[in-house]
PDB file of N, CA and C in Angstrom:
ATOM      1  N   MET A   1     -11.450  -1.731   8.765  1.00  0.00           N
ATOM      2  CA  MET A   1     -12.377  -1.428   7.695  1.00  0.00           C
ATOM      3  C   MET A   1     -11.969  -2.252   6.477  1.00  0.00           C
ATOM      4  N   ASN A   2     -12.912  -3.011   5.939  1.00  0.00           N
ATOM      5  CA  ASN A   2     -12.618  -3.783   4.739  1.00  0.00           C
ATOM      6  C   ASN A   2     -13.047  -2.994   3.494  1.00  0.00           C
ATOM      7  N   LYS A   3     -12.856  -3.591   2.318  1.00  0.00           N
ATOM      8  CA  LYS A   3     -13.136  -2.873   1.074  1.00  0.00           C
ATOM      9  C   LYS A   3     -14.608  -2.488   0.955  1.00  0.00           C
ATOM     10  N   ALA A   4     -15.511  -3.383   1.292  1.00  0.00           N
ATOM     11  CA  ALA A   4     -16.948  -3.092   1.180  1.00  0.00           C
ATOM     12  C   ALA A   4     -17.337  -1.926   2.089  1.00  0.00           C
ATOM     13  N   GLU A   5     -16.794  -1.903   3.299  1.00  0.00           N
ATOM     14  CA  GLU A   5     -17.075  -0.806   4.220  1.00  0.00           C
ATOM     15  C   GLU A   5     -16.487   0.515   3.709  1.00  0.00           C
ATOM     16  N   LEU A   6     -15.296   0.437   3.130  1.00  0.00           N
ATOM     17  CA  LEU A   6     -14.668   1.633   2.564  1.00  0.00           C
ATOM     18  C   LEU A   6     -15.495   2.175   1.397  1.00  0.00           C
ATOM     19  N   VAL A   7     -15.924   1.296   0.502  1.00  0.00           N
ATOM     20  CA  VAL A   7     -16.749   1.710  -0.639  1.00  0.00           C
ATOM     21  C   VAL A   7     -18.030   2.377  -0.148  1.00  0.00           C
ATOM     22  N   SER A   8     -18.668   1.775   0.828  1.00  0.00           N
ATOM     23  CA  SER A   8     -19.908   2.324   1.371  1.00  0.00           C
ATOM     24  C   SER A   8     -19.684   3.693   2.003  1.00  0.00           C
ATOM     25  N   ALA A   9     -18.620   3.839   2.771  1.00  0.00           N
ATOM     26  CA  ALA A   9     -18.329   5.108   3.443  1.00  0.00           C
ATOM     27  C   ALA A   9     -18.020   6.218   2.440  1.00  0.00           C
ATOM     28  N   ILE A  10     -17.246   5.905   1.408  1.00  0.00           N
ATOM     29  CA  ILE A  10     -16.913   6.901   0.397  1.00  0.00           C
ATOM     30  C   ILE A  10     -18.152   7.285  -0.398  1.00  0.00           C
ATOM     31  N   ALA A  11     -18.972   6.295  -0.753  1.00  0.00           N
ATOM     32  CA  ALA A  11     -20.195   6.568  -1.508  1.00  0.00           C
ATOM     33  C   ALA A  11     -21.117   7.497  -0.733  1.00  0.00           C
ATOM     34  N   LYS A  12     -21.238   7.255   0.553  1.00  0.00           N
ATOM     35  CA  LYS A  12     -22.089   8.092   1.394  1.00  0.00           C
ATOM     36  C   LYS A  12     -21.525   9.509   1.506  1.00  0.00           C
ATOM     37  N   ARG A  13     -20.212   9.617   1.736  1.00  0.00           N
ATOM     38  CA  ARG A  13     -19.570  10.922   1.897  1.00  0.00           C
ATOM     39  C   ARG A  13     -19.613  11.734   0.598  1.00  0.00           C
ATOM     40  N   ALA A  14     -19.420  11.067  -0.545  1.00  0.00           N
ATOM     41  CA  ALA A  14     -19.374  11.776  -1.831  1.00  0.00           C
ATOM     42  C   ALA A  14     -20.742  11.847  -2.497  1.00  0.00           C
ATOM     43  N   ASP A  15     -21.734  11.182  -1.917  1.00  0.00           N
ATOM     44  CA  ASP A  15     -23.089  11.160  -2.464  1.00  0.00           C
ATOM     45  C   ASP A  15     -23.113  10.645  -3.903  1.00  0.00           C
ATOM     46  N   VAL A  16     -22.441   9.500  -4.115  1.00  0.00           N
ATOM     47  CA  VAL A  16     -22.429   8.819  -5.410  1.00  0.00           C
ATOM     48  C   VAL A  16     -22.754   7.353  -5.177  1.00  0.00           C
ATOM     49  N   PRO A  17     -23.181   6.641  -6.215  1.00  0.00           N
ATOM     50  CA  PRO A  17     -23.504   5.220  -6.046  1.00  0.00           C
ATOM     51  C   PRO A  17     -22.276   4.387  -5.659  1.00  0.00           C
ATOM     52  N   SER A  18     -22.524   3.344  -4.890  1.00  0.00           N
ATOM     53  CA  SER A  18     -21.442   2.451  -4.463  1.00  0.00           C
ATOM     54  C   SER A  18     -20.749   1.809  -5.653  1.00  0.00           C
ATOM     55  N   SER A  19     -21.503   1.528  -6.710  1.00  0.00           N
ATOM     56  CA  SER A  19     -20.907   0.896  -7.896  1.00  0.00           C
ATOM     57  C   SER A  19     -19.865   1.812  -8.533  1.00  0.00           C
ATOM     58  N   THR A  20     -20.101   3.115  -8.499  1.00  0.00           N
ATOM     59  CA  THR A  20     -19.143   4.079  -9.046  1.00  0.00           C
ATOM     60  C   THR A  20     -17.860   4.082  -8.220  1.00  0.00           C
ATOM     61  N   VAL A  21     -18.011   4.101  -6.919  1.00  0.00           N
ATOM     62  CA  VAL A  21     -16.843   4.090  -6.029  1.00  0.00           C
ATOM     63  C   VAL A  21     -16.066   2.795  -6.206  1.00  0.00           C
ATOM     64  N   ASP A  22     -16.759   1.679  -6.322  1.00  0.00           N
ATOM     65  CA  ASP A  22     -16.110   0.388  -6.514  1.00  0.00           C
ATOM     66  C   ASP A  22     -15.315   0.382  -7.819  1.00  0.00           C
ATOM     67  N   SER A  23     -15.878   0.960  -8.875  1.00  0.00           N
ATOM     68  CA  SER A  23     -15.181   1.045 -10.163  1.00  0.00           C
ATOM     69  C   SER A  23     -13.932   1.912 -10.065  1.00  0.00           C
ATOM     70  N   VAL A  24     -14.044   3.017  -9.350  1.00  0.00           N
ATOM     71  CA  VAL A  24     -12.900   3.912  -9.182  1.00  0.00           C
ATOM     72  C   VAL A  24     -11.790   3.213  -8.399  1.00  0.00           C
ATOM     73  N   LEU A  25     -12.146   2.509  -7.333  1.00  0.00           N
ATOM     74  CA  LEU A  25     -11.127   1.790  -6.554  1.00  0.00           C
ATOM     75  C   LEU A  25     -10.482   0.681  -7.377  1.00  0.00           C
ATOM     76  N   ALA A  26     -11.266   0.005  -8.207  1.00  0.00           N
ATOM     77  CA  ALA A  26     -10.713  -1.036  -9.082  1.00  0.00           C
ATOM     78  C   ALA A  26      -9.737  -0.409 -10.070  1.00  0.00           C
ATOM     79  N   GLY A  27     -10.096   0.759 -10.602  1.00  0.00           N
ATOM     80  CA  GLY A  27      -9.200   1.454 -11.520  1.00  0.00           C
ATOM     81  C   GLY A  27      -7.926   1.900 -10.834  1.00  0.00           C
ATOM     82  N   LEU A  28      -8.045   2.387  -9.605  1.00  0.00           N
ATOM     83  CA  LEU A  28      -6.875   2.784  -8.832  1.00  0.00           C
ATOM     84  C   LEU A  28      -5.952   1.594  -8.604  1.00  0.00           C
ATOM     85  N   GLN A  29      -6.527   0.458  -8.257  1.00  0.00           N
ATOM     86  CA  GLN A  29      -5.731  -0.742  -8.030  1.00  0.00           C
ATOM     87  C   GLN A  29      -4.992  -1.151  -9.296  1.00  0.00           C
ATOM     88  N   GLU A  30      -5.683  -1.161 -10.431  1.00  0.00           N
ATOM     89  CA  GLU A  30      -5.053  -1.545 -11.694  1.00  0.00           C
ATOM     90  C   GLU A  30      -3.921  -0.582 -12.052  1.00  0.00           C
ATOM     91  N   GLU A  31      -4.156   0.702 -11.857  1.00  0.00           N
ATOM     92  CA  GLU A  31      -3.153   1.710 -12.187  1.00  0.00           C
ATOM     93  C   GLU A  31      -1.931   1.589 -11.279  1.00  0.00           C
ATOM     94  N   LEU A  32      -2.148   1.335  -9.983  1.00  0.00           N
ATOM     95  CA  LEU A  32      -1.024   1.141  -9.062  1.00  0.00           C
ATOM     96  C   LEU A  32      -0.196  -0.076  -9.453  1.00  0.00           C
ATOM     97  N   VAL A  33      -0.872  -1.170  -9.778  1.00  0.00           N
ATOM     98  CA  VAL A  33      -0.166  -2.403 -10.163  1.00  0.00           C
ATOM     99  C   VAL A  33       0.661  -2.161 -11.424  1.00  0.00           C
ATOM    100  N   GLU A  34       0.081  -1.491 -12.413  1.00  0.00           N
ATOM    101  CA  GLU A  34       0.814  -1.224 -13.655  1.00  0.00           C
ATOM    102  C   GLU A  34       1.993  -0.286 -13.420  1.00  0.00           C
ATOM    103  N   ALA A  35       1.809   0.740 -12.599  1.00  0.00           N
ATOM    104  CA  ALA A  35       2.894   1.679 -12.314  1.00  0.00           C
ATOM    105  C   ALA A  35       4.037   0.981 -11.589  1.00  0.00           C
ATOM    106  N   ILE A  36       3.722   0.140 -10.615  1.00  0.00           N
ATOM    107  CA  ILE A  36       4.750  -0.600  -9.881  1.00  0.00           C
ATOM    108  C   ILE A  36       5.474  -1.561 -10.816  1.00  0.00           C
ATOM    109  N   THR A  37       4.733  -2.198 -11.717  1.00  0.00           N
ATOM    110  CA  THR A  37       5.337  -3.103 -12.687  1.00  0.00           C
ATOM    111  C   THR A  37       6.323  -2.355 -13.579  1.00  0.00           C
ATOM    112  N   ARG A  38       5.996  -1.126 -13.958  1.00  0.00           N
ATOM    113  CA  ARG A  38       6.878  -0.305 -14.791  1.00  0.00           C
ATOM    114  C   ARG A  38       8.018   0.322 -13.980  1.00  0.00           C
ATOM    115  N   GLY A  39       7.974   0.210 -12.664  1.00  0.00           N
ATOM    116  CA  GLY A  39       9.012   0.786 -11.813  1.00  0.00           C
ATOM    117  C   GLY A  39       8.777   2.250 -11.490  1.00  0.00           C
ATOM    118  N   GLU A  40       7.565   2.727 -11.711  1.00  0.00           N
ATOM    119  CA  GLU A  40       7.250   4.127 -11.438  1.00  0.00           C
ATOM    120  C   GLU A  40       6.816   4.320  -9.995  1.00  0.00           C
ATOM    121  N   LYS A  41       7.042   5.517  -9.511  1.00  0.00           N
ATOM    122  CA  LYS A  41       6.625   5.905  -8.164  1.00  0.00           C
ATOM    123  C   LYS A  41       5.286   6.634  -8.290  1.00  0.00           C
ATOM    124  N   VAL A  42       4.324   6.299  -7.430  1.00  0.00           N
ATOM    125  CA  VAL A  42       3.017   6.954  -7.440  1.00  0.00           C
ATOM    126  C   VAL A  42       2.871   7.732  -6.135  1.00  0.00           C
ATOM    127  N   ALA A  43       2.625   9.042  -6.255  1.00  0.00           N
ATOM    128  CA  ALA A  43       2.478   9.885  -5.072  1.00  0.00           C
ATOM    129  C   ALA A  43       1.129  10.583  -5.118  1.00  0.00           C
ATOM    130  N   VAL A  44       0.343  10.414  -4.065  1.00  0.00           N
ATOM    131  CA  VAL A  44      -0.914  11.134  -3.890  1.00  0.00           C
ATOM    132  C   VAL A  44      -0.649  12.108  -2.750  1.00  0.00           C
ATOM    133  N   SER A  45      -0.498  13.387  -3.096  1.00  0.00           N
ATOM    134  CA  SER A  45      -0.082  14.404  -2.121  1.00  0.00           C
ATOM    135  C   SER A  45      -0.924  14.361  -0.850  1.00  0.00           C
ATOM    136  N   GLY A  46      -0.239  14.318   0.286  1.00  0.00           N
ATOM    137  CA  GLY A  46      -0.895  14.323   1.578  1.00  0.00           C
ATOM    138  C   GLY A  46      -1.408  12.972   2.027  1.00  0.00           C
ATOM    139  N   LEU A  47      -1.518  12.014   1.098  1.00  0.00           N
ATOM    140  CA  LEU A  47      -2.091  10.713   1.455  1.00  0.00           C
ATOM    141  C   LEU A  47      -1.026   9.632   1.557  1.00  0.00           C
ATOM    142  N   LEU A  48      -0.381   9.310   0.435  1.00  0.00           N
ATOM    143  CA  LEU A  48       0.618   8.256   0.458  1.00  0.00           C
ATOM    144  C   LEU A  48       1.481   8.280  -0.781  1.00  0.00           C
ATOM    145  N   THR A  49       2.604   7.571  -0.699  1.00  0.00           N
ATOM    146  CA  THR A  49       3.492   7.348  -1.830  1.00  0.00           C
ATOM    147  C   THR A  49       3.748   5.855  -1.908  1.00  0.00           C
ATOM    148  N   VAL A  50       3.675   5.305  -3.132  1.00  0.00           N
ATOM    149  CA  VAL A  50       3.890   3.881  -3.349  1.00  0.00           C
ATOM    150  C   VAL A  50       5.008   3.743  -4.376  1.00  0.00           C
ATOM    151  N   GLU A  51       6.012   2.918  -4.067  1.00  0.00           N
ATOM    152  CA  GLU A  51       7.104   2.713  -5.015  1.00  0.00           C
ATOM    153  C   GLU A  51       7.681   1.308  -4.871  1.00  0.00           C
ATOM    154  N   ARG A  52       8.294   0.847  -5.960  1.00  0.00           N
ATOM    155  CA  ARG A  52       8.952  -0.455  -5.949  1.00  0.00           C
ATOM    156  C   ARG A  52      10.382  -0.266  -5.469  1.00  0.00           C
ATOM    157  N   THR A  53      10.820  -1.122  -4.568  1.00  0.00           N
ATOM    158  CA  THR A  53      12.196  -1.071  -4.078  1.00  0.00           C
ATOM    159  C   THR A  53      12.815  -2.456  -4.221  1.00  0.00           C
ATOM    160  N   GLN A  54      14.128  -2.500  -4.122  1.00  0.00           N
ATOM    161  CA  GLN A  54      14.830  -3.776  -4.209  1.00  0.00           C
ATOM    162  C   GLN A  54      15.390  -4.147  -2.849  1.00  0.00           C
ATOM    163  N   ARG A  55      15.232  -5.409  -2.519  1.00  0.00           N
ATOM    164  CA  ARG A  55      15.810  -5.934  -1.280  1.00  0.00           C
ATOM    165  C   ARG A  55      16.962  -6.835  -1.698  1.00  0.00           C
ATOM    166  N   SER A  56      18.142  -6.578  -1.203  1.00  0.00           N
ATOM    167  CA  SER A  56      19.308  -7.349  -1.614  1.00  0.00           C
ATOM    168  C   SER A  56      19.318  -8.737  -0.978  1.00  0.00           C
ATOM    169  N   ALA A  57      20.112  -9.614  -1.587  1.00  0.00           N
ATOM    170  CA  ALA A  57      20.241 -10.979  -1.075  1.00  0.00           C
ATOM    171  C   ALA A  57      20.900 -10.932   0.296  1.00  0.00           C
ATOM    172  N   ARG A  58      20.538 -11.875   1.138  1.00  0.00           N
ATOM    173  CA  ARG A  58      21.113 -11.906   2.479  1.00  0.00           C
ATOM    174  C   ARG A  58      21.065 -13.333   3.020  1.00  0.00           C
ATOM    175  N   THR A  59      21.752 -13.527   4.118  1.00  0.00           N
ATOM    176  CA  THR A  59      21.744 -14.822   4.797  1.00  0.00           C
ATOM    177  C   THR A  59      20.802 -14.712   5.985  1.00  0.00           C
ATOM    178  N   GLY A  60      19.876 -15.648   6.070  1.00  0.00           N
ATOM    179  CA  GLY A  60      18.947 -15.680   7.182  1.00  0.00           C
ATOM    180  C   GLY A  60      19.163 -16.914   8.024  1.00  0.00           C
ATOM    181  N   ARG A  61      18.311 -17.100   9.007  1.00  0.00           N
ATOM    182  CA  ARG A  61      18.445 -18.252   9.889  1.00  0.00           C
ATOM    183  C   ARG A  61      17.072 -18.867  10.108  1.00  0.00           C
ATOM    184  N   ASN A  62      16.979 -20.173   9.946  1.00  0.00           N
ATOM    185  CA  ASN A  62      15.744 -20.902  10.212  1.00  0.00           C
ATOM    186  C   ASN A  62      15.533 -20.901  11.727  1.00  0.00           C
ATOM    187  N   PRO A  63      14.423 -20.301  12.206  1.00  0.00           N
ATOM    188  CA  PRO A  63      14.238 -20.194  13.658  1.00  0.00           C
ATOM    189  C   PRO A  63      14.024 -21.539  14.360  1.00  0.00           C
ATOM    190  N   GLN A  64      13.569 -22.547  13.621  1.00  0.00           N
ATOM    191  CA  GLN A  64      13.336 -23.851  14.261  1.00  0.00           C
ATOM    192  C   GLN A  64      14.605 -24.668  14.409  1.00  0.00           C
ATOM    193  N   THR A  65      15.465 -24.594  13.375  1.00  0.00           N
ATOM    194  CA  THR A  65      16.666 -25.430  13.407  1.00  0.00           C
ATOM    195  C   THR A  65      17.948 -24.641  13.663  1.00  0.00           C
ATOM    196  N   GLY A  66      17.900 -23.320  13.457  1.00  0.00           N
ATOM    197  CA  GLY A  66      19.098 -22.513  13.613  1.00  0.00           C
ATOM    198  C   GLY A  66      20.000 -22.566  12.395  1.00  0.00           C
ATOM    199  N   GLU A  67      19.593 -23.315  11.376  1.00  0.00           N
ATOM    200  CA  GLU A  67      20.385 -23.485  10.166  1.00  0.00           C
ATOM    201  C   GLU A  67      20.384 -22.193   9.330  1.00  0.00           C
ATOM    202  N   SER A  68      21.532 -21.857   8.754  1.00  0.00           N
ATOM    203  CA  SER A  68      21.628 -20.675   7.898  1.00  0.00           C
ATOM    204  C   SER A  68      21.007 -20.981   6.540  1.00  0.00           C
ATOM    205  N   ILE A  69      20.289 -19.997   6.002  1.00  0.00           N
ATOM    206  CA  ILE A  69      19.695 -20.151   4.683  1.00  0.00           C
ATOM    207  C   ILE A  69      19.977 -18.894   3.868  1.00  0.00           C
ATOM    208  N   ASP A  70      20.101 -19.066   2.567  1.00  0.00           N
ATOM    209  CA  ASP A  70      20.316 -17.939   1.675  1.00  0.00           C
ATOM    210  C   ASP A  70      18.969 -17.425   1.197  1.00  0.00           C
ATOM    211  N   ILE A  71      18.728 -16.129   1.380  1.00  0.00           N
ATOM    212  CA  ILE A  71      17.492 -15.488   0.932  1.00  0.00           C
ATOM    213  C   ILE A  71      17.848 -14.676  -0.303  1.00  0.00           C
ATOM    214  N   PRO A  72      17.231 -14.971  -1.446  1.00  0.00           N
ATOM    215  CA  PRO A  72      17.596 -14.278  -2.685  1.00  0.00           C
ATOM    216  C   PRO A  72      17.116 -12.826  -2.703  1.00  0.00           C
ATOM    217  N   ALA A  73      17.707 -12.048  -3.592  1.00  0.00           N
ATOM    218  CA  ALA A  73      17.282 -10.662  -3.788  1.00  0.00           C
ATOM    219  C   ALA A  73      15.858 -10.668  -4.325  1.00  0.00           C
ATOM    220  N   ALA A  74      15.116  -9.607  -4.018  1.00  0.00           N
ATOM    221  CA  ALA A  74      13.723  -9.555  -4.465  1.00  0.00           C
ATOM    222  C   ALA A  74      13.270  -8.105  -4.589  1.00  0.00           C
ATOM    223  N   ASN A  75      12.243  -7.895  -5.405  1.00  0.00           N
ATOM    224  CA  ASN A  75      11.584  -6.597  -5.470  1.00  0.00           C
ATOM    225  C   ASN A  75      10.454  -6.595  -4.457  1.00  0.00           C
ATOM    226  N   THR A  76      10.210  -5.452  -3.870  1.00  0.00           N
ATOM    227  CA  THR A  76       9.132  -5.315  -2.904  1.00  0.00           C
ATOM    228  C   THR A  76       8.476  -3.947  -3.084  1.00  0.00           C
ATOM    229  N   VAL A  77       7.379  -3.711  -2.405  1.00  0.00           N
ATOM    230  CA  VAL A  77       6.665  -2.449  -2.513  1.00  0.00           C
ATOM    231  C   VAL A  77       6.804  -1.698  -1.204  1.00  0.00           C
ATOM    232  N   LYS A  78       7.106  -0.408  -1.320  1.00  0.00           N
ATOM    233  CA  LYS A  78       7.238   0.468  -0.155  1.00  0.00           C
ATOM    234  C   LYS A  78       6.094   1.475  -0.196  1.00  0.00           C
ATOM    235  N   VAL A  79       5.325   1.546   0.884  1.00  0.00           N
ATOM    236  CA  VAL A  79       4.236   2.505   1.005  1.00  0.00           C
ATOM    237  C   VAL A  79       4.597   3.467   2.127  1.00  0.00           C
ATOM    238  N   THR A  80       4.625   4.758   1.803  1.00  0.00           N
ATOM    239  CA  THR A  80       4.967   5.784   2.783  1.00  0.00           C
ATOM    240  C   THR A  80       3.756   6.659   3.030  1.00  0.00           C
ATOM    241  N   ALA A  81       3.435   6.878   4.269  1.00  0.00           N
ATOM    242  CA  ALA A  81       2.295   7.717   4.625  1.00  0.00           C
ATOM    243  C   ALA A  81       2.595   9.172   4.295  1.00  0.00           C
ATOM    244  N   GLY A  82       1.573   9.872   3.796  1.00  0.00           N
ATOM    245  CA  GLY A  82       1.691  11.292   3.500  1.00  0.00           C
ATOM    246  C   GLY A  82       1.435  12.132   4.743  1.00  0.00           C
ATOM    247  N   SER A  83       1.568  13.440   4.594  1.00  0.00           N
ATOM    248  CA  SER A  83       1.465  14.344   5.737  1.00  0.00           C
ATOM    249  C   SER A  83       0.106  14.289   6.423  1.00  0.00           C
ATOM    250  N   ASN A  84      -0.982  14.157   5.666  1.00  0.00           N
ATOM    251  CA  ASN A  84      -2.308  14.103   6.288  1.00  0.00           C
ATOM    252  C   ASN A  84      -2.487  12.835   7.115  1.00  0.00           C
ATOM    253  N   LEU A  85      -1.981  11.702   6.629  1.00  0.00           N
ATOM    254  CA  LEU A  85      -2.078  10.451   7.397  1.00  0.00           C
ATOM    255  C   LEU A  85      -1.210  10.523   8.653  1.00  0.00           C
ATOM    256  N   LYS A  86      -0.023  11.086   8.504  1.00  0.00           N
ATOM    257  CA  LYS A  86       0.874  11.204   9.664  1.00  0.00           C
ATOM    258  C   LYS A  86       0.253  12.098  10.729  1.00  0.00           C
ATOM    259  N   LYS A  87      -0.350  13.196  10.293  1.00  0.00           N
ATOM    260  CA  LYS A  87      -0.980  14.122  11.236  1.00  0.00           C
ATOM    261  C   LYS A  87      -2.148  13.442  11.955  1.00  0.00           C
ATOM    262  N   ALA A  88      -2.953  12.664  11.202  1.00  0.00           N
ATOM    263  CA  ALA A  88      -4.093  11.962  11.798  1.00  0.00           C
ATOM    264  C   ALA A  88      -3.617  10.937  12.835  1.00  0.00           C
ATOM    265  N   ALA A  89      -2.551  10.229  12.514  1.00  0.00           N
ATOM    266  CA  ALA A  89      -2.034   9.214  13.440  1.00  0.00           C
ATOM    267  C   ALA A  89      -1.455   9.841  14.692  1.00  0.00           C
ATOM    268  N   SER A  90      -0.782  10.979  14.540  1.00  0.00           N
ATOM    269  CA  SER A  90      -0.147  11.591  15.693  1.00  0.00           C
ATOM    270  C   SER A  90      -1.150  12.323  16.605  1.00  0.00           C
ATOM    271  N   SER A  91      -2.339  12.597  16.083  1.00  0.00           N
ATOM    272  CA  SER A  91      -3.329  13.309  16.903  1.00  0.00           C
ATOM    273  C   SER A  91      -4.114  12.373  17.825  1.00  0.00           C
ATOM    274  N   VAL A  92      -3.970  11.073  17.653  1.00  0.00           N
ATOM    275  CA  VAL A  92      -4.667  10.102  18.497  1.00  0.00           C
ATOM    276  C   VAL A  92      -3.800   9.827  19.725  1.00  0.00           C
ATOM    277  N   PRO A  93      -4.365   9.958  20.933  1.00  0.00           N
ATOM    278  CA  PRO A  93      -3.551   9.705  22.134  1.00  0.00           C
ATOM    279  C   PRO A  93      -3.131   8.252  22.237  1.00  0.00           C
ATOM    280  N   VAL A  94      -1.959   8.048  22.813  1.00  0.00           N
ATOM    281  CA  VAL A  94      -1.384   6.696  22.944  1.00  0.00           C
ATOM    282  C   VAL A  94      -1.999   5.962  24.083  1.00  0.00           C
TER     283      VAL A  94
END
């Protein structure tokens, strides 16, 4: 499902215009980006948690040449599924 399909599905389910849903998703995106930039953790109960984490420097290996390379430390984003998402995923047969 891409963004346009998600906007359409939410608009239909909530019985609101697609433009409203698109604005809300844009606002959510901006707020998540700002919170991550500030180092804050964002938790939507039952859905997901988003937080900035640090990955330490390490030595890697170039798969083509086998040569060792130094990978610098970096910030990254960690997204954890909430209980409702976990329950939905586990209810689907493998």
